[in-house]
Every structure is written in C-alpha cells, then in structure tokens.
C-alpha cells in the first residue's frame, strides 16, 4: 500500500461537482442562461421530487485552521438579522422565476457556523423560507452545529421547524492537535450536545472527524475513534485534512508541511480508523463517509439512491439545488452558479433585486455524460458505458489512463464497464480523475487542489 500511496498521492479534486470549479467556462455562461436552466430544471423536477436548498451562514467567532470554507470572523452578533433579511430576499428572487410554489425536499444550513446565529433568528430564517414554499414528501432538513456554541435551545428550535439531522464538527479529541487547529472542545461538550439531540428526537446525528491534521499521530486517531464509539453517532464523515495554505484567510500558514503526517501515515490513520469503525457496525459509504445500518445514508446506498453534490453525500437526488447566501454554489443539473463571496457585495446586489452570482458554467453534452460517470464512481464504485447515453468521444483516452490502475489492482475494466476494487476505494479521487477530460485537456500549471491521499 505504501508504494501505491507514494504513486497516487497527487493533487486532485474531491468531485462535489463536475466540471470542478477551476474548469468552469465563463465565456459561455450568463445570468440569463443560468435563470433559464433553473426554470427548466424546476419545471422538470419540482412536482416529482422537490428541490434542495443550501443556505450558507458565514459567520464564526474564531478561526479554525483546518477549514477551507468562506467565512467571516466576528464576535458581533448584530450582523445576524441583516444577513437573514438578505437571504430571504434572495430566495424571493428565485421564487419569482417559478410558476408554482416550490416543494423543498432537502434543506441544509452550512457555514461558517450556523449556530453562531441565535435560535430566534434561525427560526425566522426557516419560517421565512416557507412563506414561499411547501414541504416535499419525506423531506430532510439538516444543519452543522459547533459543539461549543450549540445550545439545547438551538436544537429544540430547529427540531420544532422540521430538522431531524444534525452534524457536529469533532475533528480530533487530542488537546494538542485541537490547539494547533484552533478548535478546542472537550469530549464532554460533544457528548452533551449529542445527548441533547437524542433526547429531543433527532433521528440522524453525525460527527465529522479528520485525519492527517497537524501534529496528529496514530494514537490520536485511535483515541478519537474509541471516544466516538462511546457516543455511536448515526453517521460519520471521516475524511482527510485538505492542506491548501495558498488559499487566503484559512490560517494554514501557521504550521509547516513537516508538521503534517506523511501520505503513508495519513493512509495508515484512515485504514486503522476504518477497521475500528467496522468492528462496531459502521458501513463505508462512498468516499470518507460511514453510517450505521439504520441511517438514511446507508439505506440510500443499499437502494442505489445515494447522490453527491456540493453538500457532499445525500440520501436522495433532486434535480435542482439552490444555494443561498454569500459564496453559495447552486446546481440546476444543466449549469452551476456561484454567488459573490463578499458579504457586503452580496447584500448590495440582493438589495438591488439582482441574483448575486458572479461565475458559473453551462454543462456541455460531454460534461453531462462525464458527470454521470463520476457520480456513479463516487456513489457506487462502478459505472457503465454500455448505453449510448453514457458514451463520450474521449472514452478510449479514459480507458488508456485506467490501464495502469488496473495493473495496480485498483479497478477492473471490461469492454463496457468499470468496477472499483476494495483495494482501489482509497484512491477513488484518482480513478475519477481518469474520466476528467477537462483536467487532462488543460493541466494546471499551479496546484489547485489538495492531495488525494
């Protein structure tokens, strides 16, 4: 495994979209085209499956250096109400595009720190969204909670407006590692909020754990997994720290590359953690995710409904996903669009009745087929091009790129099908890169992505 880690540990996308953001074509994109694809997708999917909403709440009281999200560090809570006003105005601008009331199937609050906002303001946000929308059948609402500032009132208030899933960022329980990433939170605090969520009635509680953090050793990962077993969250994100110090504002320049575990050490941390999780009943879901058999994520994998988008893995697919808030990314299935990142610019545009996007991409027919293959690989570890609708011109080049991976035992490729082996699952990002025709057509001259291992 070590030699494979050395061979395949290269910069690569995490494929929450295809094409990935650096390869979006702005020359063919426009706000008019974006609105048109939103309307098309809404008309095709709203009645049958509903739509998804992602709401970006960007404020945090302190900087966590492992985080690559767009955020604003502040202790001023007077920013909450004006920001919610802007988000609700943006939502109305989208609703004006629709001929019927939207039915919301998925709603996720991300950040930043959603629980930076007071319970009353979060309730105002959700109630404001549903003044112009209805609940779809079997809807699922979720939010990300910081264990240090998620109160029982937060959990109860969001439960009362329909939330049944919450994920808590744990990262690592070792205090030295926590101090390095500026995220100090004791196990007792995580246990408290997890217990509160269960008592209130949340049906899916998740924890996020990271391996490969600065100064993190194997014993730290083991300790974190063993403590996690004491709480048994319904699902886990157990993923690799993304070291991207060239991005502005993430604080990762505060430690050196030599402070990080090597690629081999990171892979060993992951394999050990995976074994420990399997011993107590967690199932591996796609890439870097695990769940118990009773969770909707596992059930969706079993039924073939597992999906991946800008929110990560989801238990079902909606054709239209609208991102609200500064820096949010939306997906109409036919195109992508991202909002401006500056909070002030975002609020200014919305106040002037302008949907606040600043870049996007209209998917070509080739993009749409490649996207399906990458989704299949990410969600099901297989794909097929037996049907004409899954064929694309560069397929022979993809097969050429897969040959060495097949020799290394990572994949099995037949005339019309690819299967990822158990040995190949840790390298799923590399396997997807073989299909990424835009990446190979325009190889970056500078590093854009985190390392794949």
Protein backbone atom coordinates (compact mmCIF):
# COMPACT_ATOMS: atom_id res chain seq x y z
CA UNK A 1 0.00 0.00 0.00
CA UNK A 2 2.86 2.42 0.81
CA UNK A 3 4.20 2.30 -2.75
CA UNK A 4 0.69 2.94 -4.10
CA UNK A 5 0.29 5.88 -1.72
CA UNK A 6 3.56 7.36 -2.98
CA UNK A 7 2.48 6.79 -6.56
CA UNK A 8 -1.06 8.15 -6.37
CA UNK A 9 -0.75 10.90 -3.75
CA UNK A 10 -1.11 13.82 -6.16
CA UNK A 11 -3.26 16.98 -6.18
CA UNK A 12 -6.82 16.19 -7.20
CA UNK A 13 -10.46 17.34 -6.86
CA UNK A 14 -12.93 15.97 -4.32
CA UNK A 15 -15.60 15.93 -7.04
CA UNK A 16 -18.57 17.53 -5.37
CA UNK A 17 -19.19 18.67 -8.94
CA UNK A 18 -18.09 18.01 -12.49
CA UNK A 19 -16.74 20.09 -14.06
CA UNK A 20 -14.84 21.25 -11.00
CA UNK A 21 -14.91 24.98 -10.27
CA UNK A 22 -11.47 25.82 -11.78
CA UNK A 23 -12.68 24.46 -15.13
CA UNK A 24 -15.92 26.38 -15.36
CA UNK A 25 -16.26 28.15 -18.70
CA UNK A 26 -17.27 31.74 -18.11
CA UNK A 27 -17.30 32.56 -21.83
CA UNK A 28 -20.48 30.54 -22.41
CA UNK A 29 -22.11 31.47 -19.09
CA UNK A 30 -24.51 34.32 -18.39
CA UNK A 31 -27.08 35.23 -15.77
CA UNK A 32 -29.82 34.89 -18.37
CA UNK A 33 -28.75 31.35 -19.25
CA UNK A 34 -28.50 30.46 -15.57
CA UNK A 35 -32.06 31.60 -14.88
CA UNK A 36 -33.29 29.68 -17.92
CA UNK A 37 -31.74 26.40 -16.73
CA UNK A 38 -33.12 26.98 -13.22
CA UNK A 39 -36.61 27.33 -14.67
CA UNK A 40 -36.14 24.28 -16.88
CA UNK A 41 -34.92 22.12 -14.02
CA UNK A 42 -37.64 23.37 -11.67
CA UNK A 43 -40.34 22.54 -14.22
CA UNK A 44 -38.91 19.05 -14.71
CA UNK A 45 -38.35 18.11 -11.08
CA UNK A 46 -40.34 20.17 -8.59
CA UNK A 47 -43.59 18.22 -8.79
CA UNK A 48 -41.97 14.77 -8.71
CA UNK A 49 -39.05 15.15 -6.31
CA UNK A 50 -38.93 18.72 -4.99
CA UNK A 51 -35.82 20.89 -4.82
CA UNK A 52 -32.86 21.27 -2.45
CA UNK A 53 -31.75 24.38 -0.63
CA UNK A 54 -28.30 25.03 0.80
CA UNK A 55 -28.04 28.14 2.95
CA UNK A 56 -24.57 29.46 3.74
CA UNK A 57 -24.29 31.18 7.12
CA UNK A 58 -20.73 32.51 7.00
CA UNK A 59 -20.04 33.92 10.47
CA UNK A 60 -17.70 32.36 13.05
CA UNK A 61 -16.44 33.76 16.34
CA UNK A 62 -12.96 32.27 15.84
CA UNK A 63 -10.80 30.84 13.04
CA UNK A 64 -10.42 27.07 12.70
CA UNK A 65 -7.35 26.50 10.58
CA UNK A 66 -8.45 23.15 9.12
CA UNK A 67 -11.44 24.82 7.46
CA UNK A 68 -11.50 25.81 3.79
CA UNK A 69 -14.96 27.39 3.84
CA UNK A 70 -15.71 31.02 3.10
CA UNK A 71 -16.34 32.70 6.44
CA UNK A 72 -16.24 35.99 8.32
CA UNK A 73 -14.63 36.01 11.77
CA UNK A 74 -16.51 38.30 14.15
CA UNK A 75 -17.96 38.41 17.65
CA UNK A 76 -20.57 40.97 16.62
CA UNK A 77 -23.99 39.33 16.50
CA UNK A 78 -25.74 42.38 15.12
CA UNK A 79 -24.75 41.01 11.69
CA UNK A 80 -27.30 38.19 12.01
CA UNK A 81 -30.58 39.94 11.26
CA UNK A 82 -29.45 41.95 8.20
CA UNK A 83 -27.87 38.84 6.71
CA UNK A 84 -31.05 36.79 7.15
CA UNK A 85 -33.03 39.61 5.54
CA UNK A 86 -30.73 39.36 2.50
CA UNK A 87 -31.01 35.57 2.28
CA UNK A 88 -34.81 35.74 2.37
CA UNK A 89 -34.77 38.44 -0.31
CA UNK A 90 -32.52 36.27 -2.49
CA UNK A 91 -34.93 33.37 -2.02
CA UNK A 92 -37.83 35.56 -3.18
CA UNK A 93 -35.84 36.49 -6.30
CA UNK A 94 -35.61 32.80 -7.15
CA UNK A 95 -39.27 32.17 -6.32
CA UNK A 96 -40.18 34.87 -8.81
CA UNK A 97 -38.71 32.61 -11.53
CA UNK A 98 -41.09 29.76 -10.67
CA UNK A 99 -44.61 29.34 -12.00
CA UNK A 100 -45.70 27.27 -8.98
CA UNK A 101 -44.72 27.11 -5.31
CA UNK A 102 -41.51 25.16 -4.76
CA UNK A 103 -41.56 21.95 -2.74
CA UNK A 104 -38.43 21.61 -0.64
CA UNK A 105 -37.05 18.09 -0.29
CA UNK A 106 -33.68 18.89 1.29
CA UNK A 107 -32.58 21.90 3.29
CA UNK A 108 -29.12 22.24 4.80
CA UNK A 109 -27.62 25.02 6.91
CA UNK A 110 -23.86 25.20 6.49
CA UNK A 111 -21.11 27.68 7.12
CA UNK A 112 -19.23 29.17 8.76
CA UNK A 113 -21.02 28.33 11.97
CA UNK A 114 -24.82 28.13 11.64
CA UNK A 115 -25.17 28.06 15.43
CA UNK A 116 -23.43 31.45 15.54
CA UNK A 117 -26.99 32.66 14.84
CA UNK A 118 -29.47 32.81 17.70
CA UNK A 119 -32.29 30.24 17.82
CA UNK A 120 -34.83 33.00 17.21
CA UNK A 121 -33.01 34.21 14.10
CA UNK A 122 -32.70 30.66 12.74
CA UNK A 123 -36.43 30.18 13.30
CA UNK A 124 -37.09 33.44 11.48
CA UNK A 125 -34.95 32.23 8.57
CA UNK A 126 -36.74 28.88 8.18
CA UNK A 127 -40.23 30.31 8.63
CA UNK A 128 -39.35 32.99 6.07
CA UNK A 129 -38.28 30.33 3.54
CA UNK A 130 -41.60 28.52 3.92
CA UNK A 131 -43.71 31.59 3.41
CA UNK A 132 -42.92 30.96 -0.25
CA UNK A 133 -42.58 27.15 -0.29
CA UNK A 134 -44.10 23.85 0.80
CA UNK A 135 -42.57 20.71 2.28
CA UNK A 136 -41.99 17.84 -0.16
CA UNK A 137 -42.78 14.28 0.85
CA UNK A 138 -40.10 12.68 3.06
CA UNK A 139 -38.19 15.93 3.38
CA UNK A 140 -34.88 16.04 5.23
CA UNK A 141 -33.55 19.14 6.97
CA UNK A 142 -30.07 19.21 8.46
CA UNK A 143 -27.60 21.64 9.96
CA UNK A 144 -24.00 21.82 11.07
CA UNK A 145 -23.53 22.51 14.78
CA UNK A 146 -20.44 23.65 16.64
CA UNK A 147 -20.37 21.69 19.92
CA UNK A 148 -19.07 24.71 21.83
CA UNK A 149 -21.94 27.03 20.94
CA UNK A 150 -24.87 24.74 20.06
CA UNK A 151 -27.37 25.13 22.88
CA UNK A 152 -30.27 22.90 23.75
CA UNK A 153 -32.46 25.81 22.62
CA UNK A 154 -30.79 25.73 19.18
CA UNK A 155 -31.55 22.02 18.87
CA UNK A 156 -35.14 22.31 20.12
CA UNK A 157 -35.95 25.34 17.95
CA UNK A 158 -34.68 23.74 14.77
CA UNK A 159 -36.39 20.44 15.63
CA UNK A 160 -39.67 22.32 16.01
CA UNK A 161 -39.37 23.71 12.44
CA UNK A 162 -38.64 20.31 10.88
CA UNK A 163 -34.95 19.46 11.37
CA UNK A 164 -34.17 15.84 12.18
CA UNK A 165 -30.48 15.62 11.26
CA UNK A 166 -27.52 17.43 12.80
CA UNK A 167 -23.77 17.03 12.32
CA UNK A 168 -21.21 18.14 14.89
CA UNK A 169 -17.64 19.00 13.99
CA UNK A 170 -15.35 16.96 16.23
CA UNK A 171 -12.12 16.74 14.16
CA UNK A 172 -9.90 15.21 16.92
CA UNK A 173 -10.11 14.86 20.71
CA UNK A 174 -6.40 15.39 21.41
CA UNK A 175 -5.94 18.81 23.02
CA UNK A 176 -2.55 19.48 21.40
CA UNK A 177 -4.00 18.84 17.94
CA UNK A 178 -7.05 20.92 18.82
CA UNK A 179 -4.85 23.85 19.79
CA UNK A 180 -2.93 23.56 16.52
CA UNK A 181 -6.16 23.88 14.51
CA UNK A 182 -7.71 26.47 16.87
CA UNK A 183 -10.66 24.22 17.73
CA UNK A 184 -10.52 23.29 21.42
CA UNK A 185 -13.61 21.38 22.58
CA UNK A 186 -13.63 18.62 25.22
CA UNK A 187 -15.26 15.24 24.72
CA UNK A 188 -17.74 16.13 27.48
CA UNK A 189 -19.11 19.00 25.40
CA UNK A 190 -19.58 16.80 22.32
CA UNK A 191 -21.30 14.19 24.49
CA UNK A 192 -23.60 16.83 25.96
CA UNK A 193 -24.86 18.14 22.59
CA UNK A 194 -25.14 14.59 21.19
CA UNK A 195 -27.22 13.51 24.18
CA UNK A 196 -29.42 16.60 23.90
CA UNK A 197 -30.09 15.87 20.22
CA UNK A 198 -31.11 12.29 21.02
CA UNK A 199 -33.35 13.36 23.89
CA UNK A 200 -35.11 15.91 21.69
CA UNK A 201 -35.73 13.34 18.96
CA UNK A 202 -33.19 13.85 16.17
CA UNK A 203 -33.13 10.68 14.07
CA UNK A 204 -29.70 11.18 12.48
CA UNK A 205 -26.76 12.57 14.43
CA UNK A 206 -23.43 12.87 12.65
CA UNK A 207 -19.87 13.60 13.73
CA UNK A 208 -17.10 14.94 11.50
CA UNK A 209 -13.62 13.52 12.18
CA UNK A 210 -10.45 14.45 10.29
CA UNK A 211 -7.22 12.51 9.83
CA UNK A 212 -3.92 13.95 8.64
CA UNK A 213 -4.15 17.05 10.85
CA UNK A 214 -1.07 18.97 12.01
CA UNK A 215 0.82 17.09 14.75
CA UNK A 216 -1.74 14.27 14.64
CA UNK A 217 -0.38 10.80 15.46
CA UNK A 218 -1.88 7.37 15.02
CA UNK A 219 -2.70 7.18 18.74
CA UNK A 220 -4.69 10.43 18.45
CA UNK A 221 -6.86 8.96 15.68
CA UNK A 222 -7.35 5.76 17.70
CA UNK A 223 -8.31 7.75 20.78
CA UNK A 224 -10.81 9.83 18.79
CA UNK A 225 -12.41 6.74 17.22
CA UNK A 226 -12.64 4.98 20.60
CA UNK A 227 -14.36 8.01 22.14
CA UNK A 228 -16.66 8.19 19.12
CA UNK A 229 -17.66 4.57 19.77
CA UNK A 230 -18.86 5.65 23.22
CA UNK A 231 -21.38 8.00 21.58
CA UNK A 232 -22.24 5.96 18.44
CA UNK A 233 -23.43 8.76 16.13
CA UNK A 234 -25.65 7.52 13.30
CA UNK A 235 -23.21 8.65 10.61
CA UNK A 236 -19.63 9.84 10.36
CA UNK A 237 -17.60 11.87 7.96
CA UNK A 238 -14.03 10.57 8.41
CA UNK A 239 -12.00 12.49 5.89
CA UNK A 240 -8.56 13.74 5.02
CA UNK A 241 -7.41 17.19 6.08
CA UNK A 242 -7.03 19.38 2.98
CA UNK A 243 -3.81 21.37 3.24
CA UNK A 244 -4.33 24.37 0.96
CA UNK A 245 -2.23 27.19 2.51
CA UNK A 246 -2.28 29.13 -0.77
CA UNK A 247 -5.94 29.99 -0.18
CA UNK A 248 -6.32 33.33 1.55
CA UNK A 249 -7.76 33.57 5.04
CA UNK A 250 -7.62 29.96 6.24
CA UNK A 251 -4.74 30.34 8.71
CA UNK A 252 -2.90 27.27 7.41
CA UNK A 253 0.38 29.15 7.03
CA UNK A 254 0.74 28.89 10.81
CA UNK A 255 2.39 25.46 10.55
CA UNK A 256 4.82 23.82 8.16
CA UNK A 257 4.46 20.87 5.82
CA UNK A 258 6.78 18.95 8.16
CA UNK A 259 4.18 19.35 10.93
CA UNK A 260 1.77 17.19 8.90
CA UNK A 261 1.64 13.39 8.74
CA UNK A 262 3.15 11.95 5.56
CA UNK A 263 0.95 10.42 2.87
CA UNK A 264 1.76 6.93 4.17
CA UNK A 265 0.96 7.97 7.74
CA UNK A 266 -2.34 9.52 6.66
CA UNK A 267 -3.36 6.38 4.79
CA UNK A 268 -2.44 4.25 7.81
CA UNK A 269 -4.56 6.53 10.02
CA UNK A 270 -7.50 6.08 7.68
CA UNK A 271 -7.16 2.31 7.42
CA UNK A 272 -6.88 1.92 11.21
CA UNK A 273 -9.88 4.18 11.77
CA UNK A 274 -11.91 2.31 9.17
CA UNK A 275 -11.14 -1.03 10.83
CA UNK A 276 -12.15 0.28 14.24
CA UNK A 277 -15.40 1.67 12.85
CA UNK A 278 -16.24 -1.57 11.03
CA UNK A 279 -15.79 -3.53 14.26
CA UNK A 280 -18.72 -1.72 15.86
CA UNK A 281 -21.08 -1.80 12.87
CA UNK A 282 -20.29 1.22 10.70
CA UNK A 283 -20.59 0.72 6.94
CA UNK A 284 -18.40 2.60 4.47
CA UNK A 285 -20.50 4.90 2.26
CA UNK A 286 -18.87 6.24 -0.88
CA UNK A 287 -15.72 8.20 -0.10
CA UNK A 288 -14.84 9.07 3.52
CA UNK A 289 -18.34 8.52 4.92
CA UNK A 290 -19.68 5.85 7.28
CA UNK A 291 -23.06 5.12 8.79
CA UNK A 292 -24.96 2.63 10.88
CA UNK A 293 -27.42 0.39 9.08
CA UNK A 294 -30.43 2.30 10.41
CA UNK A 295 -29.36 5.64 8.95
CA UNK A 296 -30.87 7.01 5.73
CA UNK A 297 -27.40 7.30 4.17
CA UNK A 298 -26.84 3.53 4.40
CA UNK A 299 -30.37 2.79 3.22
CA UNK A 300 -29.90 5.05 0.20
CA UNK A 301 -26.65 3.27 -0.68
CA UNK A 302 -28.43 -0.09 -0.48
CA UNK A 303 -31.27 1.11 -2.69
CA UNK A 304 -29.00 2.80 -5.23
CA UNK A 305 -30.33 6.29 -4.45
CA UNK A 306 -27.11 7.71 -2.95
CA UNK A 307 -26.19 11.05 -4.51
CA UNK A 308 -23.29 13.51 -4.25
CA UNK A 309 -23.36 17.26 -4.76
CA UNK A 310 -21.92 20.45 -3.26
CA UNK A 311 -23.36 19.42 0.12
CA UNK A 312 -21.45 16.11 -0.03
CA UNK A 313 -23.29 12.78 0.05
CA UNK A 314 -27.06 12.95 0.27
CA UNK A 315 -29.68 10.25 0.69
CA UNK A 316 -31.61 11.27 -2.42
CA UNK A 317 -31.25 13.32 -5.59
CA UNK A 318 -33.07 16.47 -6.55
CA UNK A 319 -32.55 17.91 -9.97
CA UNK A 320 -32.38 21.49 -8.72
CA UNK A 321 -30.23 22.64 -5.80
CA UNK A 322 -30.25 26.35 -5.00
CA UNK A 323 -27.54 27.85 -2.83
CA UNK A 324 -28.48 30.95 -0.86
CA UNK A 325 -26.08 33.29 0.87
CA UNK A 326 -22.62 34.67 0.17
CA UNK A 327 -20.34 32.23 -1.74
CA UNK A 328 -23.06 29.54 -2.08
CA UNK A 329 -23.00 27.33 -5.15
CA UNK A 330 -26.15 26.26 -6.99
CA UNK A 331 -26.71 23.36 -9.38
CA UNK A 332 -29.54 23.24 -11.91
CA UNK A 333 -28.20 19.95 -13.35
CA UNK A 334 -27.64 21.78 -16.63
CA UNK A 335 -25.45 24.50 -15.14
CA UNK A 336 -23.66 25.67 -12.00
CA UNK A 337 -23.51 29.16 -10.49
CA UNK A 338 -21.69 30.63 -7.52
CA UNK A 339 -22.66 33.69 -5.51
CA UNK A 340 -20.25 36.52 -4.82
CA UNK A 341 -18.05 35.86 -1.78
CA UNK A 342 -18.04 39.30 -0.18
CA UNK A 343 -20.91 39.66 2.28
CA UNK A 344 -21.20 43.39 1.55
CA UNK A 345 -21.34 42.84 -2.22
CA UNK A 346 -23.82 40.00 -1.76
CA UNK A 347 -26.15 42.19 0.29
CA UNK A 348 -25.81 45.12 -2.12
CA UNK A 349 -26.75 43.02 -5.16
CA UNK A 350 -29.73 41.40 -3.43
CA UNK A 351 -30.99 44.76 -2.20
CA UNK A 352 -30.98 45.86 -5.85
CA UNK A 353 -33.06 42.83 -6.94
CA UNK A 354 -30.10 41.06 -8.59
CA UNK A 355 -29.48 37.34 -8.10
CA UNK A 356 -25.92 37.66 -6.74
CA UNK A 357 -23.99 35.20 -8.90
CA UNK A 358 -20.58 36.08 -10.26
CA UNK A 359 -19.43 32.96 -12.09
CA UNK A 360 -20.83 29.73 -13.43
CA UNK A 361 -20.74 27.04 -16.08
CA UNK A 362 -23.21 25.72 -18.66
CA UNK A 363 -22.68 21.97 -18.98
CA UNK A 364 -21.98 20.64 -22.47
CA UNK A 365 -23.33 17.25 -23.57
CA UNK A 366 -19.86 15.80 -22.87
CA UNK A 367 -19.86 17.38 -19.39
CA UNK A 368 -23.21 15.80 -18.56
CA UNK A 369 -22.08 12.28 -19.52
CA UNK A 370 -18.74 12.55 -17.70
CA UNK A 371 -20.57 13.92 -14.67
CA UNK A 372 -22.79 10.83 -14.56
CA UNK A 373 -19.76 8.53 -14.68
CA UNK A 374 -18.02 10.38 -11.86
CA UNK A 375 -21.21 10.35 -9.79
CA UNK A 376 -21.54 6.60 -10.36
CA UNK A 377 -17.95 6.03 -9.26
CA UNK A 378 -18.23 8.28 -6.21
CA UNK A 379 -21.54 6.80 -5.06
CA UNK A 380 -21.48 3.20 -6.26
CA UNK A 381 -17.83 2.42 -7.14
CA UNK A 382 -18.81 1.37 -10.65
CA UNK A 383 -20.03 2.78 -13.94
CA UNK A 384 -21.04 1.54 -17.38
CA UNK A 385 -20.98 2.93 -20.89
CA UNK A 386 -22.97 0.11 -22.48
CA UNK A 387 -25.78 2.52 -23.35
CA UNK A 388 -25.31 5.17 -26.00
CA UNK A 389 -26.34 7.84 -23.49
CA UNK A 390 -23.21 7.06 -21.41
CA UNK A 391 -20.72 7.13 -24.28
CA UNK A 392 -18.48 10.14 -25.00
CA UNK A 393 -15.76 10.74 -27.56
CA UNK A 394 -12.81 10.68 -25.17
CA UNK A 395 -13.73 7.32 -23.65
CA UNK A 396 -10.81 5.49 -25.26
CA UNK A 397 -8.41 8.00 -23.72
CA UNK A 398 -10.02 7.36 -20.34
CA UNK A 399 -9.51 3.62 -20.78
CA UNK A 400 -5.84 4.26 -21.58
CA UNK A 401 -5.46 6.22 -18.35
CA UNK A 402 -7.13 3.40 -16.41
CA UNK A 403 -4.77 0.67 -17.65
CA UNK A 404 -2.05 1.31 -15.08
CA UNK A 405 -4.65 1.49 -12.32
CA UNK A 406 -5.96 -1.87 -13.50
CA UNK A 407 -2.43 -3.30 -13.39
CA UNK A 408 -2.14 -1.99 -9.82
CA UNK A 409 -5.38 -3.75 -8.88
CA UNK A 410 -7.42 -0.61 -8.28
CA UNK A 411 -10.06 -1.20 -10.96
CA UNK A 412 -11.44 -3.90 -13.21
CA UNK A 413 -12.29 -2.60 -16.68
CA UNK A 414 -14.28 -4.62 -19.19
CA UNK A 415 -15.44 -3.58 -22.64
CA UNK A 416 -18.36 -1.54 -21.31
CA UNK A 417 -17.91 -1.38 -17.54
CA UNK A 418 -15.62 -0.33 -14.70
CA UNK A 419 -15.62 -1.69 -11.16
CA UNK A 420 -13.54 -0.20 -8.36
CA UNK A 421 -11.94 -2.93 -6.26
CA UNK A 422 -11.71 -2.89 -2.48
CA UNK A 423 -8.03 -2.06 -2.92
CA UNK A 424 -8.95 0.84 -5.19
CA UNK A 425 -11.53 2.53 -2.96
CA UNK A 426 -8.97 4.66 -1.08
CA UNK A 427 -7.90 6.03 -4.50
CA UNK A 428 -11.37 6.86 -5.81
CA UNK A 429 -10.39 10.50 -6.44
CA UNK A 430 -7.54 9.33 -8.70
CA UNK A 431 -9.87 6.97 -10.56
CA UNK A 432 -12.37 9.77 -11.16
CA UNK A 433 -9.51 11.95 -12.43
CA UNK A 434 -9.03 9.44 -15.28
CA UNK A 435 -12.51 10.45 -16.50
CA UNK A 436 -11.88 14.17 -16.01
CA UNK A 437 -11.31 15.17 -19.61
CA UNK A 438 -11.14 18.89 -18.79
CA UNK A 439 -8.38 18.31 -16.24
CA UNK A 440 -6.31 16.41 -18.80
CA UNK A 441 -7.12 18.83 -21.57
CA UNK A 442 -5.87 21.80 -19.54
CA UNK A 443 -3.49 20.56 -16.87
CA UNK A 444 -2.96 23.28 -14.23
CA UNK A 445 0.41 24.97 -14.03
CA UNK A 446 -0.03 25.66 -10.31
CA UNK A 447 -1.53 23.49 -7.56
CA UNK A 448 -5.28 23.97 -7.37
CA UNK A 449 -6.38 21.02 -5.28
CA UNK A 450 -5.44 19.25 -2.06
CA UNK A 451 -3.55 15.95 -2.22
CA UNK A 452 -5.65 12.86 -2.97
CA UNK A 453 -4.30 10.86 -0.01
